[in-house]
N, C-alpha and C. Protein backbone atom coordinates (compact mmCIF):
# COMPACT_ATOMS: atom_id res chain seq x y z
N MET A 1 4.88 -13.57 10.59
CA MET A 1 4.48 -13.77 11.98
C MET A 1 3.04 -14.27 12.02
N SER A 2 2.79 -15.30 12.80
CA SER A 2 1.45 -15.86 12.91
C SER A 2 0.55 -14.96 13.74
N ILE A 3 -0.75 -15.23 13.69
CA ILE A 3 -1.70 -14.46 14.48
C ILE A 3 -1.50 -14.81 15.96
N VAL A 4 -1.34 -13.78 16.78
CA VAL A 4 -1.06 -13.96 18.21
C VAL A 4 -2.37 -14.09 18.97
N GLU A 5 -2.42 -14.99 19.92
CA GLU A 5 -3.59 -15.11 20.79
C GLU A 5 -3.28 -14.41 22.11
N LEU A 6 -3.99 -13.32 22.39
CA LEU A 6 -3.75 -12.55 23.61
C LEU A 6 -4.70 -13.06 24.71
N ILE A 7 -4.10 -13.41 25.86
CA ILE A 7 -4.93 -14.02 26.90
C ILE A 7 -4.84 -13.26 28.22
N SER A 8 -4.18 -12.09 28.21
CA SER A 8 -4.12 -11.30 29.44
C SER A 8 -4.07 -9.82 29.09
N THR A 9 -4.42 -8.99 30.06
CA THR A 9 -4.38 -7.54 29.85
C THR A 9 -2.95 -7.07 29.60
N ASP A 10 -2.00 -7.65 30.30
CA ASP A 10 -0.60 -7.28 30.10
C ASP A 10 -0.15 -7.60 28.67
N GLU A 11 -0.55 -8.75 28.18
CA GLU A 11 -0.19 -9.11 26.80
C GLU A 11 -0.79 -8.11 25.81
N PHE A 12 -2.03 -7.71 26.06
CA PHE A 12 -2.69 -6.73 25.20
C PHE A 12 -1.92 -5.41 25.21
N GLN A 13 -1.56 -4.92 26.40
CA GLN A 13 -0.86 -3.64 26.51
C GLN A 13 0.51 -3.70 25.83
N ASN A 14 1.20 -4.79 25.98
CA ASN A 14 2.51 -4.93 25.35
C ASN A 14 2.38 -5.02 23.83
N PHE A 15 1.35 -5.68 23.38
CA PHE A 15 1.15 -5.88 21.95
C PHE A 15 0.93 -4.55 21.23
N ILE A 16 0.14 -3.66 21.80
CA ILE A 16 -0.20 -2.42 21.10
C ILE A 16 0.92 -1.39 21.15
N LYS A 17 2.03 -1.69 21.82
CA LYS A 17 3.18 -0.78 21.85
C LYS A 17 4.01 -0.85 20.57
N SER A 18 3.70 -1.76 19.70
CA SER A 18 4.51 -1.99 18.51
C SER A 18 4.52 -0.77 17.59
N ASN A 19 5.62 -0.60 16.85
CA ASN A 19 5.70 0.44 15.82
C ASN A 19 4.89 0.07 14.59
N ASP A 20 4.56 -1.21 14.46
CA ASP A 20 3.74 -1.65 13.34
C ASP A 20 2.26 -1.38 13.65
N PHE A 21 1.43 -1.50 12.63
CA PHE A 21 -0.01 -1.45 12.86
C PHE A 21 -0.43 -2.74 13.55
N CYS A 22 -1.15 -2.61 14.66
CA CYS A 22 -1.60 -3.74 15.45
C CYS A 22 -3.09 -3.94 15.24
N VAL A 23 -3.46 -5.02 14.60
CA VAL A 23 -4.87 -5.34 14.33
C VAL A 23 -5.31 -6.38 15.35
N ILE A 24 -6.30 -6.02 16.15
CA ILE A 24 -6.77 -6.92 17.22
C ILE A 24 -8.23 -7.28 16.98
N HIS A 25 -8.45 -8.57 16.88
CA HIS A 25 -9.77 -9.11 16.56
C HIS A 25 -10.40 -9.66 17.84
N PHE A 26 -11.44 -8.98 18.31
CA PHE A 26 -12.23 -9.48 19.44
C PHE A 26 -13.27 -10.44 18.86
N TYR A 27 -13.22 -11.69 19.31
CA TYR A 27 -14.03 -12.70 18.64
C TYR A 27 -14.60 -13.71 19.63
N ALA A 28 -15.44 -14.56 19.08
CA ALA A 28 -15.94 -15.73 19.80
C ALA A 28 -15.65 -16.94 18.92
N PRO A 29 -15.04 -17.99 19.45
CA PRO A 29 -14.63 -19.12 18.61
C PRO A 29 -15.79 -19.85 17.94
N TRP A 30 -17.00 -19.67 18.45
CA TRP A 30 -18.15 -20.35 17.88
C TRP A 30 -18.84 -19.52 16.78
N ALA A 31 -18.45 -18.26 16.63
CA ALA A 31 -19.15 -17.36 15.70
C ALA A 31 -18.58 -17.49 14.29
N LEU A 32 -19.44 -17.78 13.32
CA LEU A 32 -19.02 -17.99 11.94
C LEU A 32 -18.31 -16.76 11.38
N GLN A 33 -18.82 -15.57 11.66
CA GLN A 33 -18.20 -14.36 11.11
C GLN A 33 -16.81 -14.11 11.71
N SER A 34 -16.62 -14.51 12.95
CA SER A 34 -15.29 -14.42 13.55
C SER A 34 -14.32 -15.36 12.85
N ILE A 35 -14.78 -16.55 12.54
CA ILE A 35 -13.94 -17.51 11.81
C ILE A 35 -13.57 -16.96 10.44
N GLN A 36 -14.54 -16.31 9.77
CA GLN A 36 -14.28 -15.74 8.45
C GLN A 36 -13.26 -14.60 8.51
N MET A 37 -13.32 -13.80 9.58
CA MET A 37 -12.34 -12.73 9.74
C MET A 37 -10.95 -13.30 9.94
N ASN A 38 -10.85 -14.38 10.71
CA ASN A 38 -9.55 -15.01 10.92
C ASN A 38 -8.97 -15.56 9.62
N ILE A 39 -9.82 -16.09 8.76
CA ILE A 39 -9.36 -16.57 7.46
C ILE A 39 -8.81 -15.41 6.63
N LEU A 40 -9.51 -14.26 6.67
CA LEU A 40 -9.04 -13.07 5.96
C LEU A 40 -7.68 -12.62 6.48
N PHE A 41 -7.51 -12.60 7.80
CA PHE A 41 -6.24 -12.17 8.39
C PHE A 41 -5.10 -13.13 8.02
N GLU A 42 -5.39 -14.42 7.98
CA GLU A 42 -4.38 -15.39 7.58
C GLU A 42 -3.91 -15.13 6.14
N GLN A 43 -4.86 -14.77 5.29
CA GLN A 43 -4.51 -14.47 3.90
C GLN A 43 -3.70 -13.18 3.81
N MET A 44 -4.10 -12.16 4.57
CA MET A 44 -3.44 -10.86 4.50
C MET A 44 -2.01 -10.92 5.01
N ARG A 45 -1.79 -11.64 6.09
CA ARG A 45 -0.46 -11.62 6.71
C ARG A 45 0.60 -12.29 5.83
N LYS A 46 0.17 -13.03 4.82
CA LYS A 46 1.10 -13.69 3.90
C LYS A 46 1.47 -12.79 2.72
N LEU A 47 0.81 -11.64 2.60
CA LEU A 47 1.04 -10.74 1.47
C LEU A 47 2.07 -9.68 1.83
N ASN A 48 2.93 -9.36 0.89
CA ASN A 48 3.99 -8.38 1.13
C ASN A 48 3.43 -7.00 1.47
N ASN A 49 2.28 -6.66 0.89
CA ASN A 49 1.67 -5.34 1.14
C ASN A 49 1.36 -5.12 2.61
N TYR A 50 1.16 -6.21 3.36
CA TYR A 50 0.74 -6.11 4.75
C TYR A 50 1.81 -6.57 5.72
N LYS A 51 3.07 -6.54 5.28
CA LYS A 51 4.14 -7.05 6.14
C LYS A 51 4.38 -6.14 7.35
N ASN A 52 3.88 -4.92 7.33
CA ASN A 52 4.04 -4.02 8.47
C ASN A 52 2.80 -4.00 9.37
N ILE A 53 2.06 -5.09 9.32
CA ILE A 53 0.89 -5.26 10.19
C ILE A 53 1.08 -6.53 11.01
N ILE A 54 0.74 -6.46 12.29
CA ILE A 54 0.72 -7.67 13.11
C ILE A 54 -0.72 -7.89 13.59
N PHE A 55 -1.11 -9.14 13.64
CA PHE A 55 -2.49 -9.50 13.93
C PHE A 55 -2.57 -10.27 15.26
N ALA A 56 -3.66 -10.01 15.97
CA ALA A 56 -3.89 -10.73 17.22
C ALA A 56 -5.38 -11.00 17.40
N ASN A 57 -5.66 -12.05 18.16
CA ASN A 57 -7.03 -12.40 18.54
C ASN A 57 -7.21 -12.27 20.04
N ILE A 58 -8.40 -11.88 20.43
CA ILE A 58 -8.80 -11.91 21.83
C ILE A 58 -10.20 -12.51 21.90
N ILE A 59 -10.36 -13.55 22.68
CA ILE A 59 -11.72 -14.03 22.95
C ILE A 59 -12.35 -13.02 23.91
N ALA A 60 -13.34 -12.31 23.41
CA ALA A 60 -13.85 -11.12 24.10
C ALA A 60 -14.26 -11.39 25.54
N GLU A 61 -14.89 -12.53 25.80
CA GLU A 61 -15.39 -12.79 27.14
C GLU A 61 -14.28 -13.21 28.11
N TRP A 62 -13.10 -13.53 27.60
CA TRP A 62 -11.99 -13.91 28.46
C TRP A 62 -11.28 -12.72 29.07
N LEU A 63 -11.38 -11.55 28.41
CA LEU A 63 -10.74 -10.33 28.93
C LEU A 63 -11.79 -9.24 29.08
N PRO A 64 -12.69 -9.41 30.05
CA PRO A 64 -13.80 -8.46 30.19
C PRO A 64 -13.33 -7.03 30.47
N GLU A 65 -12.20 -6.86 31.20
CA GLU A 65 -11.74 -5.51 31.51
C GLU A 65 -11.33 -4.76 30.24
N VAL A 66 -10.71 -5.47 29.28
CA VAL A 66 -10.33 -4.84 28.01
C VAL A 66 -11.58 -4.60 27.16
N SER A 67 -12.46 -5.58 27.14
CA SER A 67 -13.69 -5.43 26.35
C SER A 67 -14.55 -4.27 26.85
N ILE A 68 -14.63 -4.11 28.16
CA ILE A 68 -15.41 -3.00 28.73
C ILE A 68 -14.74 -1.66 28.41
N LYS A 69 -13.43 -1.61 28.56
CA LYS A 69 -12.70 -0.36 28.31
C LYS A 69 -12.91 0.15 26.89
N TYR A 70 -12.96 -0.78 25.91
CA TYR A 70 -13.07 -0.38 24.50
C TYR A 70 -14.48 -0.60 23.93
N ASN A 71 -15.45 -0.76 24.83
CA ASN A 71 -16.86 -0.87 24.42
C ASN A 71 -17.08 -1.96 23.37
N ILE A 72 -16.57 -3.16 23.66
CA ILE A 72 -16.78 -4.29 22.76
C ILE A 72 -18.14 -4.90 23.11
N ASN A 73 -19.13 -4.62 22.29
CA ASN A 73 -20.49 -5.06 22.58
C ASN A 73 -20.93 -6.25 21.73
N ALA A 74 -20.16 -6.54 20.67
CA ALA A 74 -20.51 -7.65 19.79
C ALA A 74 -19.24 -8.15 19.11
N VAL A 75 -19.32 -9.38 18.60
CA VAL A 75 -18.19 -9.92 17.84
C VAL A 75 -18.68 -10.23 16.42
N PRO A 76 -17.77 -10.09 15.44
CA PRO A 76 -16.39 -9.61 15.59
C PRO A 76 -16.33 -8.09 15.70
N THR A 77 -15.36 -7.61 16.46
CA THR A 77 -14.99 -6.19 16.49
C THR A 77 -13.49 -6.10 16.29
N ILE A 78 -13.06 -5.16 15.45
CA ILE A 78 -11.64 -5.00 15.13
C ILE A 78 -11.17 -3.66 15.67
N LEU A 79 -10.10 -3.67 16.46
CA LEU A 79 -9.43 -2.44 16.89
C LEU A 79 -8.04 -2.40 16.27
N VAL A 80 -7.63 -1.21 15.83
CA VAL A 80 -6.30 -1.04 15.24
C VAL A 80 -5.54 0.03 16.02
N PHE A 81 -4.30 -0.30 16.41
CA PHE A 81 -3.43 0.61 17.17
C PHE A 81 -2.09 0.73 16.45
N LYS A 82 -1.36 1.78 16.82
CA LYS A 82 0.03 1.95 16.38
C LYS A 82 0.75 2.79 17.44
N ASN A 83 1.85 2.25 17.96
CA ASN A 83 2.58 2.95 19.04
C ASN A 83 1.66 3.28 20.22
N GLU A 84 0.78 2.34 20.56
CA GLU A 84 -0.19 2.49 21.66
C GLU A 84 -1.32 3.45 21.34
N ASN A 85 -1.30 4.08 20.20
CA ASN A 85 -2.35 5.03 19.83
C ASN A 85 -3.46 4.32 19.05
N PHE A 86 -4.69 4.58 19.43
CA PHE A 86 -5.84 4.03 18.72
C PHE A 86 -5.94 4.66 17.33
N VAL A 87 -6.13 3.84 16.31
CA VAL A 87 -6.20 4.34 14.93
C VAL A 87 -7.63 4.30 14.40
N PHE A 88 -8.26 3.12 14.43
CA PHE A 88 -9.67 3.04 14.02
C PHE A 88 -10.24 1.71 14.50
N ARG A 89 -11.55 1.58 14.38
CA ARG A 89 -12.22 0.34 14.76
C ARG A 89 -13.27 0.00 13.72
N ILE A 90 -13.58 -1.29 13.63
CA ILE A 90 -14.66 -1.78 12.77
C ILE A 90 -15.56 -2.64 13.65
N ASP A 91 -16.81 -2.24 13.79
CA ASP A 91 -17.78 -3.00 14.58
C ASP A 91 -18.57 -3.91 13.65
N GLY A 92 -18.61 -5.18 13.99
CA GLY A 92 -19.36 -6.12 13.17
C GLY A 92 -18.53 -6.68 12.02
N PHE A 93 -19.14 -7.51 11.23
CA PHE A 93 -18.46 -8.19 10.13
C PHE A 93 -18.50 -7.31 8.89
N ASN A 94 -17.39 -6.66 8.60
CA ASN A 94 -17.31 -5.78 7.43
C ASN A 94 -15.88 -5.83 6.88
N PRO A 95 -15.50 -6.96 6.27
CA PRO A 95 -14.12 -7.10 5.78
C PRO A 95 -13.73 -6.07 4.74
N LYS A 96 -14.68 -5.66 3.88
CA LYS A 96 -14.37 -4.67 2.85
C LYS A 96 -13.98 -3.34 3.48
N MET A 97 -14.76 -2.90 4.47
CA MET A 97 -14.46 -1.63 5.13
C MET A 97 -13.12 -1.71 5.87
N PHE A 98 -12.86 -2.86 6.50
CA PHE A 98 -11.60 -3.01 7.21
C PHE A 98 -10.42 -2.86 6.24
N GLN A 99 -10.47 -3.54 5.11
CA GLN A 99 -9.37 -3.48 4.15
C GLN A 99 -9.20 -2.07 3.59
N GLU A 100 -10.31 -1.40 3.33
CA GLU A 100 -10.23 -0.03 2.82
C GLU A 100 -9.55 0.88 3.84
N GLN A 101 -9.92 0.74 5.11
CA GLN A 101 -9.37 1.60 6.16
C GLN A 101 -7.89 1.30 6.42
N ILE A 102 -7.53 0.03 6.44
CA ILE A 102 -6.12 -0.30 6.71
C ILE A 102 -5.25 0.10 5.53
N ASN A 103 -5.77 -0.01 4.31
CA ASN A 103 -5.00 0.42 3.14
C ASN A 103 -4.76 1.93 3.17
N LYS A 104 -5.76 2.69 3.60
CA LYS A 104 -5.60 4.14 3.72
C LYS A 104 -4.51 4.48 4.72
N GLN A 105 -4.50 3.77 5.85
CA GLN A 105 -3.50 4.04 6.87
C GLN A 105 -2.10 3.66 6.39
N LEU A 106 -2.00 2.55 5.67
CA LEU A 106 -0.70 2.13 5.16
C LEU A 106 -0.13 3.14 4.17
N MET A 107 -0.99 3.74 3.37
CA MET A 107 -0.52 4.71 2.39
C MET A 107 -0.02 6.00 3.03
N LYS A 108 -0.41 6.23 4.28
CA LYS A 108 0.07 7.41 5.00
C LYS A 108 1.35 7.11 5.78
N SER A 109 1.70 5.85 5.88
CA SER A 109 2.78 5.46 6.78
C SER A 109 4.15 5.81 6.21
N GLU A 110 5.13 5.97 7.12
CA GLU A 110 6.49 6.28 6.70
C GLU A 110 7.06 5.15 5.84
N TYR A 111 6.71 3.92 6.18
CA TYR A 111 7.19 2.78 5.39
C TYR A 111 6.75 2.91 3.94
N PHE A 112 5.49 3.27 3.72
CA PHE A 112 4.98 3.34 2.35
C PHE A 112 5.60 4.51 1.59
N ILE A 113 5.74 5.66 2.25
CA ILE A 113 6.38 6.81 1.60
C ILE A 113 7.82 6.46 1.22
N ASP A 114 8.52 5.77 2.11
CA ASP A 114 9.90 5.36 1.80
C ASP A 114 9.92 4.40 0.62
N ARG A 115 8.94 3.52 0.56
CA ARG A 115 8.87 2.58 -0.57
C ARG A 115 8.68 3.32 -1.88
N LEU A 116 7.81 4.33 -1.89
CA LEU A 116 7.60 5.13 -3.10
C LEU A 116 8.87 5.86 -3.50
N LYS A 117 9.53 6.48 -2.52
CA LYS A 117 10.76 7.22 -2.82
C LYS A 117 11.83 6.30 -3.38
N ASN A 118 11.94 5.11 -2.82
CA ASN A 118 12.92 4.15 -3.32
C ASN A 118 12.61 3.74 -4.75
N LEU A 119 11.33 3.58 -5.06
CA LEU A 119 10.94 3.18 -6.40
C LEU A 119 11.25 4.27 -7.44
N ILE A 120 10.89 5.52 -7.13
CA ILE A 120 11.09 6.57 -8.14
C ILE A 120 12.56 6.97 -8.28
N ASN A 121 13.38 6.51 -7.31
CA ASN A 121 14.82 6.74 -7.40
C ASN A 121 15.58 5.47 -7.76
N LYS A 122 14.85 4.45 -8.14
CA LYS A 122 15.47 3.16 -8.45
C LYS A 122 16.42 3.26 -9.64
N ALA A 123 16.09 4.13 -10.59
CA ALA A 123 16.90 4.34 -11.78
C ALA A 123 16.89 5.84 -12.11
N PRO A 124 17.89 6.32 -12.85
CA PRO A 124 17.90 7.74 -13.23
C PRO A 124 16.64 8.16 -13.98
N CYS A 125 16.05 7.20 -14.71
CA CYS A 125 14.80 7.47 -15.43
C CYS A 125 13.90 6.26 -15.27
N ILE A 126 12.71 6.47 -14.72
CA ILE A 126 11.78 5.35 -14.52
C ILE A 126 10.38 5.77 -14.95
N LEU A 127 9.72 4.86 -15.63
CA LEU A 127 8.40 5.11 -16.19
C LEU A 127 7.39 4.16 -15.56
N PHE A 128 6.34 4.73 -14.96
CA PHE A 128 5.26 3.93 -14.37
C PHE A 128 4.15 3.82 -15.40
N ILE A 129 3.89 2.59 -15.83
CA ILE A 129 2.95 2.37 -16.92
C ILE A 129 2.02 1.20 -16.61
N LYS A 130 1.02 1.04 -17.49
CA LYS A 130 0.16 -0.14 -17.45
C LYS A 130 0.76 -1.17 -18.39
N GLY A 131 1.29 -2.24 -17.80
CA GLY A 131 1.95 -3.25 -18.59
C GLY A 131 3.46 -3.12 -18.48
N SER A 132 4.15 -3.77 -19.40
CA SER A 132 5.61 -3.74 -19.40
C SER A 132 6.12 -3.00 -20.61
N ARG A 133 7.43 -2.79 -20.65
CA ARG A 133 8.05 -2.10 -21.78
C ARG A 133 7.80 -2.85 -23.09
N LYS A 134 7.87 -4.17 -23.02
CA LYS A 134 7.67 -4.97 -24.23
C LYS A 134 6.19 -5.15 -24.57
N THR A 135 5.35 -5.17 -23.53
CA THR A 135 3.91 -5.40 -23.77
C THR A 135 3.08 -4.38 -23.00
N PRO A 136 3.09 -3.11 -23.44
CA PRO A 136 2.25 -2.11 -22.78
C PRO A 136 0.77 -2.45 -22.94
N CYS A 137 -0.02 -2.11 -21.90
CA CYS A 137 -1.42 -2.51 -21.88
C CYS A 137 -2.40 -1.39 -22.21
N CYS A 138 -1.89 -0.24 -22.66
CA CYS A 138 -2.79 0.83 -23.10
C CYS A 138 -2.07 1.68 -24.13
N GLY A 139 -2.84 2.44 -24.90
CA GLY A 139 -2.26 3.26 -25.96
C GLY A 139 -1.34 4.35 -25.44
N PHE A 140 -1.68 4.94 -24.28
CA PHE A 140 -0.85 6.00 -23.71
C PHE A 140 0.53 5.46 -23.32
N SER A 141 0.53 4.28 -22.71
CA SER A 141 1.79 3.66 -22.31
C SER A 141 2.63 3.33 -23.55
N ARG A 142 1.98 2.80 -24.56
CA ARG A 142 2.69 2.44 -25.79
C ARG A 142 3.29 3.68 -26.45
N ALA A 143 2.53 4.78 -26.45
CA ALA A 143 3.00 6.01 -27.10
C ALA A 143 4.21 6.61 -26.39
N ILE A 144 4.19 6.63 -25.06
CA ILE A 144 5.32 7.24 -24.34
C ILE A 144 6.57 6.36 -24.44
N ILE A 145 6.38 5.05 -24.49
CA ILE A 145 7.51 4.14 -24.70
C ILE A 145 8.15 4.40 -26.06
N ASN A 146 7.32 4.58 -27.10
CA ASN A 146 7.85 4.87 -28.43
C ASN A 146 8.65 6.16 -28.45
N LEU A 147 8.19 7.18 -27.71
CA LEU A 147 8.92 8.45 -27.64
C LEU A 147 10.28 8.27 -26.97
N LEU A 148 10.29 7.57 -25.84
CA LEU A 148 11.55 7.38 -25.12
C LEU A 148 12.52 6.53 -25.93
N ASP A 149 12.01 5.50 -26.59
CA ASP A 149 12.88 4.65 -27.40
C ASP A 149 13.43 5.40 -28.61
N GLN A 150 12.64 6.34 -29.10
CA GLN A 150 13.08 7.15 -30.24
C GLN A 150 14.36 7.92 -29.90
N TYR A 151 14.49 8.32 -28.63
CA TYR A 151 15.66 9.08 -28.19
C TYR A 151 16.74 8.18 -27.57
N LYS A 152 16.56 6.86 -27.73
CA LYS A 152 17.53 5.90 -27.17
C LYS A 152 17.74 6.13 -25.67
N THR A 153 16.63 6.30 -24.98
CA THR A 153 16.66 6.61 -23.55
C THR A 153 17.02 5.38 -22.72
N ASP A 154 17.84 5.60 -21.71
CA ASP A 154 18.16 4.56 -20.74
C ASP A 154 17.15 4.68 -19.60
N TYR A 155 16.18 3.79 -19.55
CA TYR A 155 15.11 3.90 -18.55
C TYR A 155 14.61 2.52 -18.14
N GLU A 156 13.94 2.50 -16.98
CA GLU A 156 13.28 1.29 -16.51
C GLU A 156 11.78 1.56 -16.42
N THR A 157 11.01 0.49 -16.35
CA THR A 157 9.56 0.64 -16.21
C THR A 157 9.06 -0.11 -14.98
N PHE A 158 7.91 0.33 -14.49
CA PHE A 158 7.23 -0.36 -13.38
C PHE A 158 5.78 -0.56 -13.80
N ASN A 159 5.31 -1.79 -13.71
CA ASN A 159 3.95 -2.12 -14.10
C ASN A 159 2.99 -1.89 -12.94
N ILE A 160 2.23 -0.81 -12.99
CA ILE A 160 1.34 -0.46 -11.88
C ILE A 160 0.14 -1.41 -11.79
N LEU A 161 -0.10 -2.21 -12.82
CA LEU A 161 -1.20 -3.16 -12.77
C LEU A 161 -0.89 -4.34 -11.85
N GLU A 162 0.39 -4.51 -11.50
CA GLU A 162 0.78 -5.62 -10.65
C GLU A 162 0.83 -5.25 -9.17
N ASP A 163 0.56 -3.99 -8.85
CA ASP A 163 0.65 -3.55 -7.45
C ASP A 163 -0.37 -2.45 -7.20
N ASP A 164 -1.54 -2.83 -6.66
CA ASP A 164 -2.61 -1.86 -6.41
C ASP A 164 -2.18 -0.79 -5.41
N GLU A 165 -1.37 -1.18 -4.44
CA GLU A 165 -0.92 -0.23 -3.42
C GLU A 165 -0.11 0.89 -4.05
N ILE A 166 0.83 0.54 -4.91
CA ILE A 166 1.64 1.55 -5.60
C ILE A 166 0.79 2.34 -6.58
N ARG A 167 -0.07 1.68 -7.31
CA ARG A 167 -0.91 2.36 -8.31
C ARG A 167 -1.74 3.47 -7.68
N GLU A 168 -2.36 3.20 -6.54
CA GLU A 168 -3.19 4.21 -5.88
C GLU A 168 -2.34 5.20 -5.10
N GLY A 169 -1.31 4.69 -4.42
CA GLY A 169 -0.51 5.56 -3.57
C GLY A 169 0.33 6.56 -4.34
N LEU A 170 0.87 6.16 -5.49
CA LEU A 170 1.71 7.07 -6.27
C LEU A 170 0.92 8.24 -6.82
N LYS A 171 -0.34 8.00 -7.17
CA LYS A 171 -1.18 9.09 -7.67
C LYS A 171 -1.35 10.18 -6.61
N LYS A 172 -1.53 9.75 -5.37
CA LYS A 172 -1.68 10.73 -4.28
C LYS A 172 -0.34 11.39 -3.95
N TYR A 173 0.73 10.60 -3.93
CA TYR A 173 2.05 11.13 -3.59
C TYR A 173 2.51 12.17 -4.61
N SER A 174 2.29 11.89 -5.88
CA SER A 174 2.75 12.79 -6.94
C SER A 174 1.73 13.87 -7.28
N ASN A 175 0.50 13.71 -6.75
CA ASN A 175 -0.61 14.61 -7.11
C ASN A 175 -0.82 14.63 -8.62
N TRP A 176 -0.69 13.44 -9.21
CA TRP A 176 -0.88 13.27 -10.65
C TRP A 176 -1.82 12.09 -10.83
N PRO A 177 -3.07 12.32 -11.27
CA PRO A 177 -4.11 11.30 -11.14
C PRO A 177 -4.10 10.18 -12.19
N THR A 178 -3.25 10.27 -13.21
CA THR A 178 -3.30 9.29 -14.28
C THR A 178 -1.93 8.67 -14.54
N TYR A 179 -1.94 7.63 -15.37
CA TYR A 179 -0.73 6.98 -15.84
C TYR A 179 -0.73 7.00 -17.37
N PRO A 180 0.49 7.03 -17.97
CA PRO A 180 1.82 6.84 -17.40
C PRO A 180 2.34 8.06 -16.64
N GLN A 181 3.38 7.82 -15.80
CA GLN A 181 4.10 8.88 -15.10
C GLN A 181 5.59 8.66 -15.31
N LEU A 182 6.28 9.73 -15.76
CA LEU A 182 7.71 9.64 -16.02
C LEU A 182 8.48 10.42 -14.96
N TYR A 183 9.49 9.76 -14.36
CA TYR A 183 10.36 10.39 -13.35
C TYR A 183 11.79 10.38 -13.85
N ILE A 184 12.47 11.50 -13.68
CA ILE A 184 13.90 11.59 -13.99
C ILE A 184 14.61 12.12 -12.76
N LYS A 185 15.60 11.37 -12.29
CA LYS A 185 16.35 11.69 -11.08
C LYS A 185 15.43 11.96 -9.90
N GLY A 186 14.38 11.14 -9.79
CA GLY A 186 13.46 11.22 -8.67
C GLY A 186 12.41 12.31 -8.76
N GLU A 187 12.42 13.07 -9.86
CA GLU A 187 11.46 14.16 -10.01
C GLU A 187 10.41 13.80 -11.06
N LEU A 188 9.15 14.12 -10.76
CA LEU A 188 8.08 13.85 -11.72
C LEU A 188 8.19 14.81 -12.90
N ILE A 189 8.25 14.24 -14.11
CA ILE A 189 8.22 15.05 -15.33
C ILE A 189 6.78 15.25 -15.78
N GLY A 190 6.00 14.16 -15.76
CA GLY A 190 4.59 14.25 -16.14
C GLY A 190 4.15 13.02 -16.89
N GLY A 191 3.02 13.16 -17.56
CA GLY A 191 2.47 12.07 -18.35
C GLY A 191 2.75 12.26 -19.82
N LEU A 192 1.99 11.59 -20.65
CA LEU A 192 2.24 11.59 -22.09
C LEU A 192 2.17 12.98 -22.69
N ASP A 193 1.16 13.77 -22.32
CA ASP A 193 1.01 15.10 -22.91
C ASP A 193 2.20 16.00 -22.62
N ILE A 194 2.69 15.97 -21.36
CA ILE A 194 3.84 16.79 -20.97
C ILE A 194 5.08 16.34 -21.73
N VAL A 195 5.27 15.02 -21.82
CA VAL A 195 6.44 14.50 -22.53
C VAL A 195 6.38 14.88 -24.01
N LYS A 196 5.20 14.86 -24.59
CA LYS A 196 5.05 15.29 -25.99
C LYS A 196 5.42 16.76 -26.15
N GLU A 197 4.97 17.60 -25.21
CA GLU A 197 5.28 19.03 -25.28
C GLU A 197 6.78 19.26 -25.18
N LEU A 198 7.43 18.55 -24.27
CA LEU A 198 8.88 18.69 -24.12
C LEU A 198 9.62 18.20 -25.36
N CYS A 199 9.05 17.19 -25.99
CA CYS A 199 9.63 16.67 -27.23
C CYS A 199 9.54 17.71 -28.33
N GLU A 200 8.38 18.33 -28.46
CA GLU A 200 8.16 19.34 -29.51
C GLU A 200 8.99 20.60 -29.30
N SER A 201 9.23 20.95 -28.03
CA SER A 201 10.01 22.16 -27.73
C SER A 201 11.52 21.92 -27.82
N GLY A 202 11.90 20.65 -27.89
CA GLY A 202 13.32 20.32 -27.93
C GLY A 202 13.96 20.18 -26.56
N ASP A 203 13.17 20.33 -25.49
CA ASP A 203 13.71 20.27 -24.14
C ASP A 203 13.89 18.84 -23.64
N LEU A 204 13.19 17.91 -24.25
CA LEU A 204 13.21 16.54 -23.74
C LEU A 204 14.58 15.90 -23.89
N ILE A 205 15.19 16.09 -25.02
CA ILE A 205 16.45 15.40 -25.30
C ILE A 205 17.55 15.79 -24.32
N SER A 206 17.48 17.01 -23.76
CA SER A 206 18.53 17.47 -22.86
C SER A 206 18.44 16.86 -21.47
N ILE A 207 17.27 16.31 -21.10
CA ILE A 207 17.10 15.80 -19.73
C ILE A 207 17.04 14.28 -19.68
N LEU A 208 16.96 13.62 -20.81
CA LEU A 208 16.85 12.15 -20.82
C LEU A 208 18.23 11.50 -20.71
N PRO A 209 18.39 10.54 -19.80
CA PRO A 209 19.65 9.77 -19.77
C PRO A 209 19.70 8.87 -21.00
N LYS A 210 20.86 8.79 -21.63
CA LYS A 210 21.00 8.02 -22.88
C LYS A 210 21.68 6.69 -22.62
N LYS A 211 21.31 5.72 -23.44
CA LYS A 211 21.97 4.41 -23.41
C LYS A 211 23.43 4.58 -23.83
N ILE A 212 24.30 3.82 -23.20
CA ILE A 212 25.71 3.82 -23.62
C ILE A 212 25.85 2.80 -24.76
N GLU A 213 26.24 3.30 -25.91
CA GLU A 213 26.37 2.44 -27.09
C GLU A 213 27.56 1.50 -26.95
């Protein structure tokens, strides 16, 4: 969806009713920083991570009643709503802060939690690592892959280096701050140390799904 240009109070009110995050940029067409924010929004809306965000522009001086209501004293100013509820605002040109804040909100959203649940239940056994099964990018990932392969485990991997949203969000969701992370039947088993302990105790082999020969 392209960036919407809101030109009336009614359009503004209807826009913020969306179930998606509504990012509204109060701007002036002559202001360089406003133009730069619009370029950022154009880039963001094309990314899959931000598909649950809709973007709109308002020329601040064209809708004085809205600008006064929300204390828009300078441009650019960004307001974010969801289901008509105000979420946060960014005053002035601060693209880094905006992205940090919107990413935090996305990680709390039902859409993101559902995405995590779908991922950890994608296969009976799934391993979140740095790199791929064939080319792990750290020693811990390589070691846990060797353990699972030793038991002829039927498992899939997910490369957390290719998705910053999942990499940061899964750590919070699982309350496990490091990678790799091993899940079996949607439940977190742990990282390399836990898997090693289960291997040494003999408990690992009983819970791992095996490849069909």
